[in-house]
Amino acid sequence: MALSNIKEARSLSDEELLNAIAETKRELFQLRFQKAIRQLDKQVHQFKHLRHRLSQLMTVQRQRQLIALEEEAAAQATAVAAATAESVSA
């Protein structure tokens, strides 16, 4: 199993991204559980792959949040500038 590509994560919709994060967390939990009860055979490398995938997904999610916040701040700044211009000209 090769490490996943972040381009795949970026191509997901917001809902698919949330589902992928939840699924990856679930898989990681199952892997930890199998390790705890000593059912884990030669799949130790999957910890690395799942943690890597989870970090990619969460990074994409955070990038989208920051973009949305920047757009919201820009819209508010535009509204404030317009209101200030109206009050100055009045």
PDB file of N, CA and C in Angstrom:
ATOM      1  N   MET A   1       0.851  -1.182   0.000  1.00  0.00           N
ATOM      2  CA  MET A   1       0.000   0.000   0.000  1.00  0.00           C
ATOM      3  C   MET A   1       0.894   1.240   0.000  1.00  0.00           C
ATOM      4  N   ALA A   2       0.838   1.984  -1.041  1.00  0.00           N
ATOM      5  CA  ALA A   2       1.645   3.192  -1.160  1.00  0.00           C
ATOM      6  C   ALA A   2       0.989   4.338  -0.397  1.00  0.00           C
ATOM      7  N   LEU A   3       1.802   5.299  -0.014  1.00  0.00           N
ATOM      8  CA  LEU A   3       1.257   6.476   0.655  1.00  0.00           C
ATOM      9  C   LEU A   3       0.346   7.222  -0.307  1.00  0.00           C
ATOM     10  N   SER A   4      -0.737   7.717   0.214  1.00  0.00           N
ATOM     11  CA  SER A   4      -1.715   8.395  -0.633  1.00  0.00           C
ATOM     12  C   SER A   4      -1.205   9.768  -1.057  1.00  0.00           C
ATOM     13  N   ASN A   5      -1.780  10.255  -2.121  1.00  0.00           N
ATOM     14  CA  ASN A   5      -1.385  11.524  -2.702  1.00  0.00           C
ATOM     15  C   ASN A   5      -2.342  12.611  -2.208  1.00  0.00           C
ATOM     16  N   ILE A   6      -1.814  13.762  -1.865  1.00  0.00           N
ATOM     17  CA  ILE A   6      -2.655  14.837  -1.339  1.00  0.00           C
ATOM     18  C   ILE A   6      -3.588  15.388  -2.413  1.00  0.00           C
ATOM     19  N   LYS A   7      -3.242  15.185  -3.683  1.00  0.00           N
ATOM     20  CA  LYS A   7      -4.127  15.630  -4.762  1.00  0.00           C
ATOM     21  C   LYS A   7      -5.472  14.925  -4.677  1.00  0.00           C
ATOM     22  N   GLU A   8      -5.449  13.670  -4.258  1.00  0.00           N
ATOM     23  CA  GLU A   8      -6.694  12.922  -4.093  1.00  0.00           C
ATOM     24  C   GLU A   8      -7.558  13.563  -3.014  1.00  0.00           C
ATOM     25  N   ALA A   9      -6.934  13.984  -1.929  1.00  0.00           N
ATOM     26  CA  ALA A   9      -7.676  14.606  -0.833  1.00  0.00           C
ATOM     27  C   ALA A   9      -8.251  15.950  -1.266  1.00  0.00           C
ATOM     28  N   ARG A  10      -7.507  16.689  -2.058  1.00  0.00           N
ATOM     29  CA  ARG A  10      -7.985  18.000  -2.502  1.00  0.00           C
ATOM     30  C   ARG A  10      -9.139  17.888  -3.486  1.00  0.00           C
ATOM     31  N   SER A  11      -9.248  16.757  -4.160  1.00  0.00           N
ATOM     32  CA  SER A  11     -10.322  16.586  -5.136  1.00  0.00           C
ATOM     33  C   SER A  11     -11.647  16.195  -4.485  1.00  0.00           C
ATOM     34  N   LEU A  12     -11.628  15.885  -3.193  1.00  0.00           N
ATOM     35  CA  LEU A  12     -12.854  15.490  -2.499  1.00  0.00           C
ATOM     36  C   LEU A  12     -13.714  16.702  -2.168  1.00  0.00           C
ATOM     37  N   SER A  13     -15.020  16.488  -2.130  1.00  0.00           N
ATOM     38  CA  SER A  13     -15.921  17.552  -1.686  1.00  0.00           C
ATOM     39  C   SER A  13     -15.818  17.652  -0.164  1.00  0.00           C
ATOM     40  N   ASP A  14     -16.426  18.678   0.416  1.00  0.00           N
ATOM     41  CA  ASP A  14     -16.360  18.859   1.867  1.00  0.00           C
ATOM     42  C   ASP A  14     -16.973  17.672   2.609  1.00  0.00           C
ATOM     43  N   GLU A  15     -18.110  17.197   2.120  1.00  0.00           N
ATOM     44  CA  GLU A  15     -18.778  16.067   2.774  1.00  0.00           C
ATOM     45  C   GLU A  15     -17.941  14.794   2.649  1.00  0.00           C
ATOM     46  N   GLU A  16     -17.393  14.568   1.468  1.00  0.00           N
ATOM     47  CA  GLU A  16     -16.540  13.398   1.266  1.00  0.00           C
ATOM     48  C   GLU A  16     -15.289  13.488   2.131  1.00  0.00           C
ATOM     49  N   LEU A  17     -14.776  14.693   2.302  1.00  0.00           N
ATOM     50  CA  LEU A  17     -13.597  14.902   3.132  1.00  0.00           C
ATOM     51  C   LEU A  17     -13.892  14.542   4.586  1.00  0.00           C
ATOM     52  N   LEU A  18     -15.033  14.996   5.097  1.00  0.00           N
ATOM     53  CA  LEU A  18     -15.415  14.659   6.467  1.00  0.00           C
ATOM     54  C   LEU A  18     -15.600  13.154   6.633  1.00  0.00           C
ATOM     55  N   ASN A  19     -16.216  12.520   5.647  1.00  0.00           N
ATOM     56  CA  ASN A  19     -16.407  11.069   5.704  1.00  0.00           C
ATOM     57  C   ASN A  19     -15.072  10.334   5.666  1.00  0.00           C
ATOM     58  N   ALA A  20     -14.150  10.813   4.842  1.00  0.00           N
ATOM     59  CA  ALA A  20     -12.832  10.185   4.741  1.00  0.00           C
ATOM     60  C   ALA A  20     -12.054  10.337   6.047  1.00  0.00           C
ATOM     61  N   ILE A  21     -12.170  11.494   6.693  1.00  0.00           N
ATOM     62  CA  ILE A  21     -11.503  11.702   7.983  1.00  0.00           C
ATOM     63  C   ILE A  21     -12.072  10.742   9.018  1.00  0.00           C
ATOM     64  N   ALA A  22     -13.393  10.643   9.078  1.00  0.00           N
ATOM     65  CA  ALA A  22     -14.032   9.746  10.043  1.00  0.00           C
ATOM     66  C   ALA A  22     -13.646   8.292   9.781  1.00  0.00           C
ATOM     67  N   GLU A  23     -13.634   7.906   8.530  1.00  0.00           N
ATOM     68  CA  GLU A  23     -13.286   6.523   8.175  1.00  0.00           C
ATOM     69  C   GLU A  23     -11.830   6.219   8.519  1.00  0.00           C
ATOM     70  N   THR A  24     -10.938   7.147   8.256  1.00  0.00           N
ATOM     71  CA  THR A  24      -9.525   6.946   8.564  1.00  0.00           C
ATOM     72  C   THR A  24      -9.308   6.849  10.068  1.00  0.00           C
ATOM     73  N   LYS A  25      -9.996   7.692  10.834  1.00  0.00           N
ATOM     74  CA  LYS A  25      -9.897   7.607  12.296  1.00  0.00           C
ATOM     75  C   LYS A  25     -10.415   6.263  12.791  1.00  0.00           C
ATOM     76  N   ARG A  26     -11.502   5.794  12.188  1.00  0.00           N
ATOM     77  CA  ARG A  26     -12.082   4.501  12.564  1.00  0.00           C
ATOM     78  C   ARG A  26     -11.091   3.367  12.264  1.00  0.00           C
ATOM     79  N   GLU A  27     -10.464   3.412  11.094  1.00  0.00           N
ATOM     80  CA  GLU A  27      -9.482   2.389  10.722  1.00  0.00           C
ATOM     81  C   GLU A  27      -8.281   2.409  11.664  1.00  0.00           C
ATOM     82  N   LEU A  28      -7.835   3.596  12.023  1.00  0.00           N
ATOM     83  CA  LEU A  28      -6.704   3.728  12.936  1.00  0.00           C
ATOM     84  C   LEU A  28      -7.057   3.164  14.309  1.00  0.00           C
ATOM     85  N   PHE A  29      -8.281   3.435  14.770  1.00  0.00           N
ATOM     86  CA  PHE A  29      -8.738   2.886  16.043  1.00  0.00           C
ATOM     87  C   PHE A  29      -8.753   1.364  15.992  1.00  0.00           C
ATOM     88  N   GLN A  30      -9.292   0.803  14.903  1.00  0.00           N
ATOM     89  CA  GLN A  30      -9.348  -0.655  14.758  1.00  0.00           C
ATOM     90  C   GLN A  30      -7.943  -1.259  14.759  1.00  0.00           C
ATOM     91  N   LEU A  31      -7.013  -0.592  14.116  1.00  0.00           N
ATOM     92  CA  LEU A  31      -5.638  -1.074  14.077  1.00  0.00           C
ATOM     93  C   LEU A  31      -5.017  -1.052  15.477  1.00  0.00           C
ATOM     94  N   ARG A  32      -5.259   0.020  16.212  1.00  0.00           N
ATOM     95  CA  ARG A  32      -4.748   0.093  17.589  1.00  0.00           C
ATOM     96  C   ARG A  32      -5.373  -0.999  18.455  1.00  0.00           C
ATOM     97  N   PHE A  33      -6.651  -1.237  18.255  1.00  0.00           N
ATOM     98  CA  PHE A  33      -7.354  -2.266  19.011  1.00  0.00           C
ATOM     99  C   PHE A  33      -6.766  -3.641  18.701  1.00  0.00           C
ATOM    100  N   GLN A  34      -6.527  -3.924  17.432  1.00  0.00           N
ATOM    101  CA  GLN A  34      -5.935  -5.201  17.048  1.00  0.00           C
ATOM    102  C   GLN A  34      -4.542  -5.362  17.646  1.00  0.00           C
ATOM    103  N   LYS A  35      -3.804  -4.269  17.698  1.00  0.00           N
ATOM    104  CA  LYS A  35      -2.466  -4.326  18.288  1.00  0.00           C
ATOM    105  C   LYS A  35      -2.558  -4.615  19.780  1.00  0.00           C
ATOM    106  N   ALA A  36      -3.542  -4.002  20.449  1.00  0.00           N
ATOM    107  CA  ALA A  36      -3.686  -4.176  21.891  1.00  0.00           C
ATOM    108  C   ALA A  36      -4.048  -5.617  22.256  1.00  0.00           C
ATOM    109  N   ILE A  37      -4.861  -6.251  21.433  1.00  0.00           N
ATOM    110  CA  ILE A  37      -5.246  -7.631  21.741  1.00  0.00           C
ATOM    111  C   ILE A  37      -4.390  -8.636  20.968  1.00  0.00           C
ATOM    112  N   ARG A  38      -3.305  -8.164  20.429  1.00  0.00           N
ATOM    113  CA  ARG A  38      -2.288  -8.972  19.761  1.00  0.00           C
ATOM    114  C   ARG A  38      -2.826  -9.774  18.573  1.00  0.00           C
ATOM    115  N   GLN A  39      -3.714  -9.167  17.813  1.00  0.00           N
ATOM    116  CA  GLN A  39      -4.195  -9.792  16.589  1.00  0.00           C
ATOM    117  C   GLN A  39      -3.507  -9.200  15.363  1.00  0.00           C
ATOM    118  N   LEU A  40      -2.692  -8.221  15.579  1.00  0.00           N
ATOM    119  CA  LEU A  40      -2.028  -7.542  14.469  1.00  0.00           C
ATOM    120  C   LEU A  40      -0.830  -8.370  14.017  1.00  0.00           C
ATOM    121  N   ASP A  41      -0.850  -8.768  12.775  1.00  0.00           N
ATOM    122  CA  ASP A  41       0.248  -9.582  12.259  1.00  0.00           C
ATOM    123  C   ASP A  41       1.330  -8.678  11.685  1.00  0.00           C
ATOM    124  N   LYS A  42       1.474  -8.709  10.404  1.00  0.00           N
ATOM    125  CA  LYS A  42       2.546  -7.962   9.750  1.00  0.00           C
ATOM    126  C   LYS A  42       2.011  -6.698   9.102  1.00  0.00           C
ATOM    127  N   GLN A  43       1.119  -6.004   9.773  1.00  0.00           N
ATOM    128  CA  GLN A  43       0.496  -4.808   9.217  1.00  0.00           C
ATOM    129  C   GLN A  43       0.912  -3.548   9.972  1.00  0.00           C
ATOM    130  N   VAL A  44       2.039  -3.594  10.620  1.00  0.00           N
ATOM    131  CA  VAL A  44       2.484  -2.467  11.431  1.00  0.00           C
ATOM    132  C   VAL A  44       2.698  -1.222  10.579  1.00  0.00           C
ATOM    133  N   HIS A  45       3.082  -1.399   9.327  1.00  0.00           N
ATOM    134  CA  HIS A  45       3.307  -0.261   8.435  1.00  0.00           C
ATOM    135  C   HIS A  45       2.020   0.522   8.182  1.00  0.00           C
ATOM    136  N   GLN A  46       0.865  -0.102   8.411  1.00  0.00           N
ATOM    137  CA  GLN A  46      -0.402   0.584   8.176  1.00  0.00           C
ATOM    138  C   GLN A  46      -0.601   1.756   9.132  1.00  0.00           C
ATOM    139  N   PHE A  47       0.004   1.703  10.317  1.00  0.00           N
ATOM    140  CA  PHE A  47      -0.078   2.838  11.232  1.00  0.00           C
ATOM    141  C   PHE A  47       0.461   4.089  10.553  1.00  0.00           C
ATOM    142  N   LYS A  48       1.623   3.948   9.930  1.00  0.00           N
ATOM    143  CA  LYS A  48       2.247   5.083   9.252  1.00  0.00           C
ATOM    144  C   LYS A  48       1.362   5.583   8.120  1.00  0.00           C
ATOM    145  N   HIS A  49       0.840   4.673   7.330  1.00  0.00           N
ATOM    146  CA  HIS A  49       0.012   5.060   6.193  1.00  0.00           C
ATOM    147  C   HIS A  49      -1.272   5.759   6.638  1.00  0.00           C
ATOM    148  N   LEU A  50      -1.909   5.228   7.667  1.00  0.00           N
ATOM    149  CA  LEU A  50      -3.161   5.825   8.129  1.00  0.00           C
ATOM    150  C   LEU A  50      -2.930   7.183   8.783  1.00  0.00           C
ATOM    151  N   ARG A  51      -1.866   7.303   9.572  1.00  0.00           N
ATOM    152  CA  ARG A  51      -1.567   8.603  10.181  1.00  0.00           C
ATOM    153  C   ARG A  51      -1.230   9.630   9.109  1.00  0.00           C
ATOM    154  N   HIS A  52      -0.500   9.207   8.093  1.00  0.00           N
ATOM    155  CA  HIS A  52      -0.144  10.096   6.987  1.00  0.00           C
ATOM    156  C   HIS A  52      -1.399  10.543   6.245  1.00  0.00           C
ATOM    157  N   ARG A  53      -2.285   9.604   5.948  1.00  0.00           N
ATOM    158  CA  ARG A  53      -3.533   9.918   5.243  1.00  0.00           C
ATOM    159  C   ARG A  53      -4.393  10.863   6.078  1.00  0.00           C
ATOM    160  N   LEU A  54      -4.489  10.592   7.384  1.00  0.00           N
ATOM    161  CA  LEU A  54      -5.282  11.443   8.265  1.00  0.00           C
ATOM    162  C   LEU A  54      -4.719  12.859   8.308  1.00  0.00           C
ATOM    163  N   SER A  55      -3.408  12.982   8.377  1.00  0.00           N
ATOM    164  CA  SER A  55      -2.812  14.324   8.408  1.00  0.00           C
ATOM    165  C   SER A  55      -3.056  15.063   7.094  1.00  0.00           C
ATOM    166  N   GLN A  56      -3.017  14.358   5.977  1.00  0.00           N
ATOM    167  CA  GLN A  56      -3.311  14.995   4.693  1.00  0.00           C
ATOM    168  C   GLN A  56      -4.752  15.496   4.653  1.00  0.00           C
ATOM    169  N   LEU A  57      -5.676  14.646   5.064  1.00  0.00           N
ATOM    170  CA  LEU A  57      -7.090  15.016   5.031  1.00  0.00           C
ATOM    171  C   LEU A  57      -7.371  16.208   5.943  1.00  0.00           C
ATOM    172  N   MET A  58      -6.790  16.184   7.137  1.00  0.00           N
ATOM    173  CA  MET A  58      -7.023  17.274   8.080  1.00  0.00           C
ATOM    174  C   MET A  58      -6.353  18.565   7.610  1.00  0.00           C
ATOM    175  N   THR A  59      -5.227  18.451   6.914  1.00  0.00           N
ATOM    176  CA  THR A  59      -4.567  19.632   6.355  1.00  0.00           C
ATOM    177  C   THR A  59      -5.441  20.282   5.296  1.00  0.00           C
ATOM    178  N   VAL A  60      -6.009  19.478   4.419  1.00  0.00           N
ATOM    179  CA  VAL A  60      -6.893  20.007   3.376  1.00  0.00           C
ATOM    180  C   VAL A  60      -8.116  20.657   4.013  1.00  0.00           C
ATOM    181  N   GLN A  61      -8.653  20.021   5.050  1.00  0.00           N
ATOM    182  CA  GLN A  61      -9.818  20.580   5.745  1.00  0.00           C
ATOM    183  C   GLN A  61      -9.469  21.942   6.350  1.00  0.00           C
ATOM    184  N   ARG A  62      -8.323  22.040   6.988  1.00  0.00           N
ATOM    185  CA  ARG A  62      -7.911  23.299   7.611  1.00  0.00           C
ATOM    186  C   ARG A  62      -7.639  24.375   6.557  1.00  0.00           C
ATOM    187  N   GLN A  63      -7.043  24.001   5.442  1.00  0.00           N
ATOM    188  CA  GLN A  63      -6.804  24.966   4.368  1.00  0.00           C
ATOM    189  C   GLN A  63      -8.117  25.545   3.862  1.00  0.00           C
ATOM    190  N   ARG A  64      -9.119  24.699   3.722  1.00  0.00           N
ATOM    191  CA  ARG A  64     -10.429  25.175   3.271  1.00  0.00           C
ATOM    192  C   ARG A  64     -11.068  26.095   4.303  1.00  0.00           C
ATOM    193  N   GLN A  65     -10.894  25.781   5.586  1.00  0.00           N
ATOM    194  CA  GLN A  65     -11.423  26.654   6.638  1.00  0.00           C
ATOM    195  C   GLN A  65     -10.757  28.021   6.585  1.00  0.00           C
ATOM    196  N   LEU A  66      -9.446  28.045   6.413  1.00  0.00           N
ATOM    197  CA  LEU A  66      -8.720  29.315   6.370  1.00  0.00           C
ATOM    198  C   LEU A  66      -9.117  30.145   5.158  1.00  0.00           C
ATOM    199  N   ILE A  67      -9.316  29.495   4.027  1.00  0.00           N
ATOM    200  CA  ILE A  67      -9.754  30.213   2.825  1.00  0.00           C
ATOM    201  C   ILE A  67     -11.120  30.830   3.055  1.00  0.00           C
ATOM    202  N   ALA A  68     -12.022  30.077   3.682  1.00  0.00           N
ATOM    203  CA  ALA A  68     -13.363  30.594   3.964  1.00  0.00           C
ATOM    204  C   ALA A  68     -13.292  31.779   4.926  1.00  0.00           C
ATOM    205  N   LEU A  69     -12.428  31.700   5.935  1.00  0.00           N
ATOM    206  CA  LEU A  69     -12.273  32.810   6.879  1.00  0.00           C
ATOM    207  C   LEU A  69     -11.705  34.048   6.193  1.00  0.00           C
ATOM    208  N   GLU A  70     -10.745  33.853   5.302  1.00  0.00           N
ATOM    209  CA  GLU A  70     -10.165  34.986   4.575  1.00  0.00           C
ATOM    210  C   GLU A  70     -11.205  35.651   3.684  1.00  0.00           C
ATOM    211  N   GLU A  71     -12.020  34.845   3.021  1.00  0.00           N
ATOM    212  CA  GLU A  71     -13.068  35.398   2.161  1.00  0.00           C
ATOM    213  C   GLU A  71     -14.093  36.163   2.984  1.00  0.00           C
ATOM    214  N   GLU A  72     -14.431  35.627   4.148  1.00  0.00           N
ATOM    215  CA  GLU A  72     -15.387  36.298   5.029  1.00  0.00           C
ATOM    216  C   GLU A  72     -14.815  37.621   5.537  1.00  0.00           C
ATOM    217  N   ALA A  73     -13.545  37.618   5.914  1.00  0.00           N
ATOM    218  CA  ALA A  73     -12.905  38.842   6.394  1.00  0.00           C
ATOM    219  C   ALA A  73     -12.816  39.883   5.283  1.00  0.00           C
ATOM    220  N   ALA A  74     -12.538  39.442   4.077  1.00  0.00           N
ATOM    221  CA  ALA A  74     -12.470  40.371   2.945  1.00  0.00           C
ATOM    222  C   ALA A  74     -13.841  40.976   2.664  1.00  0.00           C
ATOM    223  N   ALA A  75     -14.880  40.171   2.762  1.00  0.00           N
ATOM    224  CA  ALA A  75     -16.241  40.670   2.539  1.00  0.00           C
ATOM    225  C   ALA A  75     -16.624  41.680   3.615  1.00  0.00           C
ATOM    226  N   GLN A  76     -16.253  41.406   4.854  1.00  0.00           N
ATOM    227  CA  GLN A  76     -16.545  42.341   5.941  1.00  0.00           C
ATOM    228  C   GLN A  76     -15.766  43.636   5.764  1.00  0.00           C
ATOM    229  N   ALA A  77     -14.516  43.530   5.345  1.00  0.00           N
ATOM    230  CA  ALA A  77     -13.704  44.727   5.133  1.00  0.00           C
ATOM    231  C   ALA A  77     -14.291  45.581   4.019  1.00  0.00           C
ATOM    232  N   THR A  78     -14.794  44.953   2.982  1.00  0.00           N
ATOM    233  CA  THR A  78     -15.423  45.680   1.880  1.00  0.00           C
ATOM    234  C   THR A  78     -16.686  46.378   2.357  1.00  0.00           C
ATOM    235  N   ALA A  79     -17.468  45.684   3.182  1.00  0.00           N
ATOM    236  CA  ALA A  79     -18.703  46.272   3.704  1.00  0.00           C
ATOM    237  C   ALA A  79     -18.397  47.451   4.623  1.00  0.00           C
ATOM    238  N   VAL A  80     -17.379  47.327   5.442  1.00  0.00           N
ATOM    239  CA  VAL A  80     -16.994  48.414   6.348  1.00  0.00           C
ATOM    240  C   VAL A  80     -16.475  49.602   5.548  1.00  0.00           C
ATOM    241  N   ALA A  81     -15.691  49.337   4.520  1.00  0.00           N
ATOM    242  CA  ALA A  81     -15.163  50.416   3.686  1.00  0.00           C
ATOM    243  C   ALA A  81     -16.292  51.145   2.969  1.00  0.00           C
ATOM    244  N   ALA A  82     -17.276  50.402   2.498  1.00  0.00           N
ATOM    245  CA  ALA A  82     -18.414  51.021   1.817  1.00  0.00           C
ATOM    246  C   ALA A  82     -19.232  51.857   2.791  1.00  0.00           C
ATOM    247  N   ALA A  83     -19.430  51.353   3.998  1.00  0.00           N
ATOM    248  CA  ALA A  83     -20.186  52.092   5.004  1.00  0.00           C
ATOM    249  C   ALA A  83     -19.438  53.355   5.426  1.00  0.00           C
ATOM    250  N   THR A  84     -18.137  53.260   5.546  1.00  0.00           N
ATOM    251  CA  THR A  84     -17.321  54.417   5.910  1.00  0.00           C
ATOM    252  C   THR A  84     -17.360  55.463   4.804  1.00  0.00           C
ATOM    253  N   ALA A  85     -17.297  55.024   3.569  1.00  0.00           N
ATOM    254  CA  ALA A  85     -17.340  55.950   2.437  1.00  0.00           C
ATOM    255  C   ALA A  85     -18.684  56.664   2.376  1.00  0.00           C
ATOM    256  N   GLU A  86     -19.760  55.966   2.681  1.00  0.00           N
ATOM    257  CA  GLU A  86     -21.088  56.578   2.682  1.00  0.00           C
ATOM    258  C   GLU A  86     -21.221  57.613   3.795  1.00  0.00           C
ATOM    259  N   SER A  87     -20.685  57.285   4.971  1.00  0.00           N
ATOM    260  CA  SER A  87     -20.813  58.214   6.091  1.00  0.00           C
ATOM    261  C   SER A  87     -19.940  59.454   5.893  1.00  0.00           C
ATOM    262  N   VAL A  88     -18.810  59.307   5.233  1.00  0.00           N
ATOM    263  CA  VAL A  88     -17.926  60.440   4.976  1.00  0.00           C
ATOM    264  C   VAL A  88     -18.538  61.358   3.921  1.00  0.00           C
ATOM    265  N   SER A  89     -19.147  60.792   2.897  1.00  0.00           N
ATOM    266  CA  SER A  89     -19.719  61.602   1.825  1.00  0.00           C
ATOM    267  C   SER A  89     -21.059  62.221   2.227  1.00  0.00           C
ATOM    268  N   ALA A  90     -21.673  61.720   3.257  1.00  0.00           N
ATOM    269  CA  ALA A  90     -22.982  62.252   3.663  1.00  0.00           C
ATOM    270  C   ALA A  90     -22.885  63.453   4.522  1.00  0.00           C
TER     271      ALA A  90
END
